């Protein structure tokens, strides 16, 4: 595996964990201060769209680039990764959703999540996991 691809995968995985951590941190801070209504709103504002995107992916069931493009580098991915459900990318969607939800509370955390969402979009396309239209 070329070092560039490995680097993209590692940074992408760290980015996903960071964005999820930002969301969990926000929920934890709100719970600490007893803001249960805000936690409920935040959870619903993140959960309902996530479920909607998941259902959309299920019904559209769009193939992934490594399934339809005959590129040697994608052969391994065809064997070890799942098929279909490429559109839209939940990782990118979630990063942008969390970033937008965080902006009113913490601009730095919100901007960081949005920047990581942009990176994840590029990373997912370069690795052949999603088409450009998916992100």
Protein backbone atom coordinates (compact mmCIF):
# COMPACT_ATOMS: atom_id res chain seq x y z
CA UNK A 1 0.00 0.00 0.00
CA UNK A 2 1.56 3.30 -1.03
CA UNK A 3 2.42 5.63 1.83
CA UNK A 4 0.13 8.36 0.43
CA UNK A 5 -2.89 6.05 0.58
CA UNK A 6 -1.97 4.85 4.06
CA UNK A 7 -1.52 8.45 5.22
CA UNK A 8 -4.94 9.39 3.82
CA UNK A 9 -6.57 6.45 5.58
CA UNK A 10 -4.96 7.27 8.92
CA UNK A 11 -5.78 10.98 8.78
CA UNK A 12 -9.32 10.14 7.64
CA UNK A 13 -9.84 7.75 10.56
CA UNK A 14 -8.47 10.31 13.04
CA UNK A 15 -10.73 12.96 11.50
CA UNK A 16 -13.83 10.80 11.93
CA UNK A 17 -12.95 10.15 15.59
CA UNK A 18 -12.26 13.84 16.20
CA UNK A 19 -15.61 14.92 14.74
CA UNK A 20 -17.44 12.27 16.77
CA UNK A 21 -15.48 13.41 19.81
CA UNK A 22 -16.52 17.02 19.24
CA UNK A 23 -20.16 15.95 19.24
CA UNK A 24 -19.72 13.79 22.35
CA UNK A 25 -17.82 16.58 24.10
CA UNK A 26 -20.63 19.01 23.37
CA UNK A 27 -23.24 16.64 24.71
CA UNK A 28 -21.10 15.97 27.79
CA UNK A 29 -20.62 19.68 28.53
CA UNK A 30 -24.32 20.35 28.14
CA UNK A 31 -25.16 17.42 30.43
CA UNK A 32 -22.62 18.62 32.99
CA UNK A 33 -24.37 21.98 33.17
CA UNK A 34 -27.80 20.35 33.33
CA UNK A 35 -28.93 21.55 29.91
CA UNK A 36 -31.09 18.50 29.21
CA UNK A 37 -33.39 20.31 26.79
CA UNK A 38 -30.40 21.40 24.68
CA UNK A 39 -29.05 17.85 24.73
CA UNK A 40 -32.41 16.59 23.51
CA UNK A 41 -32.51 19.20 20.75
CA UNK A 42 -28.90 18.54 19.73
CA UNK A 43 -29.46 14.79 19.66
CA UNK A 44 -32.63 15.14 17.60
CA UNK A 45 -31.05 17.67 15.21
CA UNK A 46 -28.19 15.23 14.59
CA UNK A 47 -30.10 11.95 14.84
CA UNK A 48 -33.07 12.59 12.58
CA UNK A 49 -31.00 13.76 9.58
CA UNK A 50 -28.54 10.89 10.13
CA UNK A 51 -31.39 8.38 10.02
CA UNK A 52 -32.83 10.10 6.93
CA UNK A 53 -29.47 9.90 5.13
CA UNK A 54 -29.09 6.26 6.12
CA UNK A 55 -32.52 5.44 4.71
CA UNK A 56 -31.77 7.40 1.55
CA UNK A 57 -28.54 5.43 1.08
CA UNK A 58 -30.42 2.18 1.58
CA UNK A 59 -33.10 2.93 -1.01
CA UNK A 60 -30.82 4.53 -3.62
CA UNK A 61 -28.13 1.85 -3.14
CA UNK A 62 -25.66 3.57 -5.47
CA UNK A 63 -22.53 1.56 -6.35
CA UNK A 64 -19.13 2.65 -5.10
CA UNK A 65 -16.25 3.65 -7.41
CA UNK A 66 -14.22 0.56 -6.57
CA UNK A 67 -17.16 -1.56 -7.73
CA UNK A 68 -17.64 0.00 -11.15
CA UNK A 69 -14.22 1.36 -12.15
CA UNK A 70 -11.67 -1.12 -13.44
CA UNK A 71 -8.63 0.25 -11.60
CA UNK A 72 -6.00 -2.15 -10.30
CA UNK A 73 -5.65 -0.30 -6.99
CA UNK A 74 -9.35 -0.93 -6.27
CA UNK A 75 -9.15 -4.74 -6.56
CA UNK A 76 -8.34 -5.21 -2.89
CA UNK A 77 -11.16 -2.87 -1.86
CA UNK A 78 -13.65 -4.84 -3.95
CA UNK A 79 -12.81 -7.93 -1.95
CA UNK A 80 -12.67 -6.47 1.55
CA UNK A 81 -15.24 -3.64 1.59
CA UNK A 82 -19.01 -3.58 1.39
CA UNK A 83 -20.84 -2.85 -1.82
CA UNK A 84 -23.42 -0.22 -2.67
CA UNK A 85 -24.80 2.57 -0.53
CA UNK A 86 -22.30 5.10 -1.78
CA UNK A 87 -24.63 8.09 -2.07
CA UNK A 88 -24.50 10.16 0.07
CA UNK A 89 -21.41 9.82 2.24
CA UNK A 90 -22.49 9.60 5.87
CA UNK A 91 -19.01 10.47 7.14
CA UNK A 92 -18.93 13.74 5.23
CA UNK A 93 -22.58 14.51 5.94
CA UNK A 94 -22.09 13.91 9.66
CA UNK A 95 -18.95 16.05 9.84
CA UNK A 96 -20.72 19.00 8.21
CA UNK A 97 -23.85 18.50 10.29
CA UNK A 98 -21.86 18.41 13.54
CA UNK A 99 -19.83 21.42 12.44
CA UNK A 100 -22.97 23.43 11.75
CA UNK A 101 -24.55 22.34 15.04
CA UNK A 102 -21.43 23.43 16.93
CA UNK A 103 -20.98 26.85 15.32
CA UNK A 104 -23.45 28.67 17.62
CA UNK A 105 -21.69 27.27 20.71
CA UNK A 106 -18.02 27.26 19.69
CA UNK A 107 -16.79 28.73 16.43
CA UNK A 108 -13.38 27.01 16.66
CA UNK A 109 -14.90 23.55 17.17
CA UNK A 110 -17.50 24.18 14.47
CA UNK A 111 -14.93 25.40 11.96
CA UNK A 112 -12.62 22.49 12.80
CA UNK A 113 -15.43 19.99 12.14
CA UNK A 114 -16.32 21.75 8.88
CA UNK A 115 -12.68 21.70 7.74
CA UNK A 116 -12.41 18.02 8.60
CA UNK A 117 -15.63 17.41 6.66
CA UNK A 118 -14.04 19.03 3.61
CA UNK A 119 -10.93 16.90 4.08
CA UNK A 120 -13.03 13.75 4.46
CA UNK A 121 -14.84 14.57 1.22
CA UNK A 122 -11.55 14.76 -0.66
CA UNK A 123 -10.13 11.72 1.11
CA UNK A 124 -13.17 9.53 0.38
CA UNK A 125 -13.03 10.42 -3.32
CA UNK A 126 -9.27 9.90 -3.62
CA UNK A 127 -9.52 6.48 -1.97
CA UNK A 128 -12.30 5.43 -4.35
CA UNK A 129 -14.85 4.97 -1.58
CA UNK A 130 -17.22 7.62 -2.98
CA UNK A 131 -17.78 9.48 -6.21
CA UNK A 132 -17.58 13.28 -6.14
CA UNK A 133 -21.38 13.50 -6.29
CA UNK A 134 -21.59 11.39 -3.11
CA UNK A 135 -19.74 13.87 -0.95
